[in-house]
Amino acid sequence: MEIPNISLNSILDMLRVLDSDNKQWLADHLYDDIRAEKRGSLVYPVIPKNRKPSRKVLENVAGSLPEGFDIDKETDQMWEEMAK
C-alpha cells in the first residue's frame, strides 16, 4: 500500500475537526495498535469490568476480602501487569 506524502501536522489538522467521541475512538484504536506492536503476538482477552468471579475462583479465596477492597481496580492492575 502506497502512503501519500502528507505531513503528520497536516493529518493532525484534519483530525482536529472530529468530535470528541470520534477522537476518543481513534485514540483508543491507535493505542491498542501501539500496545500490540510492543507486546508482539500476545493477545490478552478483554474481560468486562462487571464480570463476577466464578465459583471456582471464589472457592480458592481464603476468607472474605478486606473491607474496601476494590476488586475491579485490582483486576485492572493485574491485567496491566500481565500485559507488560
N, C-alpha and C. Protein backbone atom coordinates (compact mmCIF):
# COMPACT_ATOMS: atom_id res chain seq x y z
N MET A 1 0.85 -1.18 0.00
CA MET A 1 0.00 0.00 0.00
C MET A 1 0.89 1.24 0.00
N GLU A 2 0.64 2.11 -0.93
CA GLU A 2 1.44 3.33 -1.03
C GLU A 2 0.80 4.41 -0.16
N ILE A 3 1.61 5.00 0.70
CA ILE A 3 1.13 6.04 1.61
C ILE A 3 1.40 7.39 0.97
N PRO A 4 0.37 8.24 0.85
CA PRO A 4 0.59 9.56 0.26
C PRO A 4 1.54 10.39 1.12
N ASN A 5 2.21 11.32 0.49
CA ASN A 5 3.17 12.17 1.17
C ASN A 5 2.43 13.32 1.88
N ILE A 6 1.98 13.06 3.10
CA ILE A 6 1.26 14.05 3.90
C ILE A 6 1.99 14.16 5.24
N SER A 7 2.23 15.36 5.67
CA SER A 7 2.93 15.53 6.95
C SER A 7 2.01 15.16 8.11
N LEU A 8 2.62 14.79 9.22
CA LEU A 8 1.84 14.48 10.41
C LEU A 8 1.06 15.68 10.90
N ASN A 9 1.65 16.87 10.74
CA ASN A 9 0.92 18.09 11.13
C ASN A 9 -0.34 18.28 10.31
N SER A 10 -0.27 17.96 9.01
CA SER A 10 -1.46 18.05 8.15
C SER A 10 -2.53 17.05 8.59
N ILE A 11 -2.09 15.85 8.92
CA ILE A 11 -3.04 14.84 9.40
C ILE A 11 -3.68 15.30 10.70
N LEU A 12 -2.88 15.85 11.61
CA LEU A 12 -3.41 16.34 12.88
C LEU A 12 -4.43 17.45 12.64
N ASP A 13 -4.14 18.35 11.73
CA ASP A 13 -5.09 19.42 11.41
C ASP A 13 -6.41 18.86 10.89
N MET A 14 -6.33 17.80 10.07
CA MET A 14 -7.56 17.18 9.55
C MET A 14 -8.36 16.52 10.68
N LEU A 15 -7.66 15.94 11.63
CA LEU A 15 -8.33 15.22 12.71
C LEU A 15 -8.94 16.13 13.76
N ARG A 16 -8.46 17.35 13.84
CA ARG A 16 -8.96 18.28 14.86
C ARG A 16 -10.44 18.61 14.69
N VAL A 17 -10.99 18.40 13.49
CA VAL A 17 -12.40 18.71 13.26
C VAL A 17 -13.33 17.61 13.79
N LEU A 18 -12.78 16.47 14.17
CA LEU A 18 -13.60 15.38 14.68
C LEU A 18 -14.19 15.75 16.04
N ASP A 19 -15.39 15.19 16.32
CA ASP A 19 -15.95 15.42 17.64
C ASP A 19 -15.20 14.56 18.66
N SER A 20 -15.42 14.83 19.93
CA SER A 20 -14.62 14.17 20.97
C SER A 20 -14.83 12.66 20.99
N ASP A 21 -16.03 12.17 20.68
CA ASP A 21 -16.26 10.72 20.65
C ASP A 21 -15.42 10.05 19.57
N ASN A 22 -15.36 10.65 18.39
CA ASN A 22 -14.56 10.08 17.31
C ASN A 22 -13.06 10.19 17.61
N LYS A 23 -12.65 11.28 18.25
CA LYS A 23 -11.25 11.41 18.64
C LYS A 23 -10.88 10.33 19.65
N GLN A 24 -11.79 10.08 20.60
CA GLN A 24 -11.53 9.05 21.61
C GLN A 24 -11.45 7.68 20.96
N TRP A 25 -12.35 7.41 20.02
CA TRP A 25 -12.34 6.12 19.30
C TRP A 25 -11.01 5.94 18.59
N LEU A 26 -10.57 6.97 17.88
CA LEU A 26 -9.31 6.90 17.14
C LEU A 26 -8.13 6.72 18.10
N ALA A 27 -8.12 7.46 19.18
CA ALA A 27 -7.04 7.35 20.17
C ALA A 27 -6.98 5.95 20.76
N ASP A 28 -8.15 5.40 21.10
CA ASP A 28 -8.19 4.05 21.67
C ASP A 28 -7.61 3.03 20.69
N HIS A 29 -8.00 3.13 19.43
CA HIS A 29 -7.52 2.17 18.44
C HIS A 29 -6.03 2.34 18.14
N LEU A 30 -5.57 3.56 18.09
CA LEU A 30 -4.14 3.78 17.89
C LEU A 30 -3.34 3.24 19.07
N TYR A 31 -3.84 3.48 20.29
CA TYR A 31 -3.15 2.99 21.48
C TYR A 31 -3.12 1.46 21.48
N ASP A 32 -4.24 0.84 21.11
CA ASP A 32 -4.28 -0.63 21.04
C ASP A 32 -3.26 -1.16 20.02
N ASP A 33 -3.16 -0.49 18.88
CA ASP A 33 -2.19 -0.90 17.86
C ASP A 33 -0.76 -0.79 18.39
N ILE A 34 -0.47 0.30 19.08
CA ILE A 34 0.87 0.50 19.63
C ILE A 34 1.19 -0.57 20.66
N ARG A 35 0.23 -0.82 21.56
CA ARG A 35 0.45 -1.84 22.59
C ARG A 35 0.67 -3.20 21.95
N ALA A 36 -0.10 -3.53 20.91
CA ALA A 36 0.04 -4.83 20.24
C ALA A 36 1.41 -4.95 19.58
N GLU A 37 1.89 -3.88 18.97
CA GLU A 37 3.21 -3.90 18.35
C GLU A 37 4.31 -4.09 19.39
N LYS A 38 4.20 -3.41 20.52
CA LYS A 38 5.21 -3.53 21.57
C LYS A 38 5.17 -4.91 22.22
N ARG A 39 3.99 -5.45 22.34
CA ARG A 39 3.80 -6.72 23.03
C ARG A 39 4.13 -7.90 22.13
N GLY A 40 4.07 -7.72 20.84
CA GLY A 40 4.29 -8.82 19.92
C GLY A 40 2.99 -9.53 19.64
N SER A 41 3.05 -10.84 19.56
CA SER A 41 1.87 -11.59 19.17
C SER A 41 0.96 -11.98 20.34
N LEU A 42 1.34 -11.64 21.55
CA LEU A 42 0.50 -11.98 22.70
C LEU A 42 -0.76 -11.11 22.70
N VAL A 43 -1.90 -11.74 22.85
CA VAL A 43 -3.16 -11.01 22.92
C VAL A 43 -3.90 -11.50 24.15
N TYR A 44 -4.20 -10.59 25.05
CA TYR A 44 -4.93 -10.94 26.25
C TYR A 44 -6.42 -10.69 26.04
N PRO A 45 -7.25 -11.53 26.60
CA PRO A 45 -8.69 -11.35 26.41
C PRO A 45 -9.20 -10.10 27.12
N VAL A 46 -10.24 -9.54 26.56
CA VAL A 46 -10.88 -8.39 27.19
C VAL A 46 -11.96 -8.95 28.12
N ILE A 47 -11.84 -8.65 29.39
CA ILE A 47 -12.79 -9.15 30.38
C ILE A 47 -13.64 -7.98 30.84
N PRO A 48 -14.96 -8.08 30.68
CA PRO A 48 -15.83 -6.99 31.11
C PRO A 48 -15.64 -6.67 32.58
N LYS A 49 -15.66 -5.37 32.92
CA LYS A 49 -15.44 -4.96 34.30
C LYS A 49 -16.54 -5.46 35.24
N ASN A 50 -17.73 -5.67 34.71
CA ASN A 50 -18.84 -6.10 35.57
C ASN A 50 -18.91 -7.62 35.70
N ARG A 51 -17.95 -8.34 35.17
CA ARG A 51 -17.96 -9.80 35.25
C ARG A 51 -17.58 -10.22 36.67
N LYS A 52 -18.39 -11.05 37.25
CA LYS A 52 -18.14 -11.54 38.60
C LYS A 52 -17.20 -12.74 38.57
N PRO A 53 -16.39 -12.93 39.60
CA PRO A 53 -15.51 -14.10 39.65
C PRO A 53 -16.33 -15.39 39.68
N SER A 54 -15.82 -16.43 39.06
CA SER A 54 -16.53 -17.71 39.02
C SER A 54 -16.51 -18.36 40.41
N ARG A 55 -17.38 -19.33 40.60
CA ARG A 55 -17.44 -20.07 41.87
C ARG A 55 -16.09 -20.72 42.15
N LYS A 56 -15.44 -21.26 41.11
CA LYS A 56 -14.15 -21.92 41.29
C LYS A 56 -13.11 -20.94 41.84
N VAL A 57 -13.12 -19.73 41.34
CA VAL A 57 -12.18 -18.71 41.83
C VAL A 57 -12.52 -18.35 43.27
N LEU A 58 -13.79 -18.14 43.53
CA LEU A 58 -14.21 -17.77 44.88
C LEU A 58 -13.88 -18.85 45.90
N GLU A 59 -13.92 -20.12 45.48
CA GLU A 59 -13.60 -21.22 46.39
C GLU A 59 -12.12 -21.20 46.79
N ASN A 60 -11.29 -20.59 45.96
CA ASN A 60 -9.86 -20.53 46.24
C ASN A 60 -9.47 -19.35 47.13
N VAL A 61 -10.43 -18.51 47.45
CA VAL A 61 -10.16 -17.35 48.29
C VAL A 61 -10.27 -17.80 49.75
N ALA A 62 -9.22 -17.54 50.51
CA ALA A 62 -9.22 -17.93 51.93
C ALA A 62 -9.86 -16.81 52.74
N GLY A 63 -11.11 -16.98 53.09
CA GLY A 63 -11.80 -15.97 53.88
C GLY A 63 -12.36 -14.86 53.00
N SER A 64 -12.92 -13.88 53.64
CA SER A 64 -13.51 -12.77 52.88
C SER A 64 -12.45 -11.71 52.59
N LEU A 65 -12.73 -10.92 51.59
CA LEU A 65 -11.80 -9.86 51.21
C LEU A 65 -11.88 -8.73 52.23
N PRO A 66 -10.78 -7.98 52.40
CA PRO A 66 -10.79 -6.87 53.35
C PRO A 66 -11.83 -5.82 52.97
N GLU A 67 -12.36 -5.14 53.96
CA GLU A 67 -13.34 -4.10 53.70
C GLU A 67 -12.70 -3.00 52.85
N GLY A 68 -13.43 -2.53 51.86
CA GLY A 68 -12.92 -1.50 50.98
C GLY A 68 -12.05 -2.02 49.85
N PHE A 69 -11.90 -3.34 49.75
CA PHE A 69 -11.09 -3.93 48.69
C PHE A 69 -11.81 -3.72 47.36
N ASP A 70 -11.14 -3.11 46.40
CA ASP A 70 -11.73 -2.81 45.10
C ASP A 70 -11.30 -3.87 44.10
N ILE A 71 -12.16 -4.86 43.89
CA ILE A 71 -11.82 -5.98 43.00
C ILE A 71 -11.59 -5.51 41.58
N ASP A 72 -12.37 -4.53 41.11
CA ASP A 72 -12.19 -4.04 39.74
C ASP A 72 -10.83 -3.37 39.57
N LYS A 73 -10.43 -2.58 40.54
CA LYS A 73 -9.13 -1.91 40.48
C LYS A 73 -8.00 -2.93 40.49
N GLU A 74 -8.10 -3.91 41.37
CA GLU A 74 -7.07 -4.94 41.48
C GLU A 74 -7.01 -5.79 40.21
N THR A 75 -8.16 -6.09 39.63
CA THR A 75 -8.21 -6.87 38.40
C THR A 75 -7.57 -6.09 37.25
N ASP A 76 -7.93 -4.81 37.14
CA ASP A 76 -7.34 -3.97 36.10
C ASP A 76 -5.83 -3.91 36.24
N GLN A 77 -5.36 -3.74 37.47
CA GLN A 77 -3.92 -3.67 37.72
C GLN A 77 -3.25 -4.99 37.36
N MET A 78 -3.89 -6.12 37.69
CA MET A 78 -3.35 -7.41 37.37
C MET A 78 -3.16 -7.58 35.85
N TRP A 79 -4.20 -7.20 35.08
CA TRP A 79 -4.11 -7.34 33.63
C TRP A 79 -3.06 -6.42 33.04
N GLU A 80 -2.94 -5.21 33.58
CA GLU A 80 -1.92 -4.28 33.11
C GLU A 80 -0.52 -4.86 33.35
N GLU A 81 -0.30 -5.44 34.52
CA GLU A 81 0.99 -6.02 34.84
C GLU A 81 1.30 -7.22 33.94
N MET A 82 0.27 -8.03 33.67
CA MET A 82 0.46 -9.20 32.82
C MET A 82 0.74 -8.79 31.37
N ALA A 83 0.23 -7.64 30.95
CA ALA A 83 0.39 -7.20 29.57
C ALA A 83 1.77 -6.61 29.31
N LYS A 84 2.53 -6.32 30.35
CA LYS A 84 3.85 -5.70 30.18
C LYS A 84 4.84 -6.71 29.65
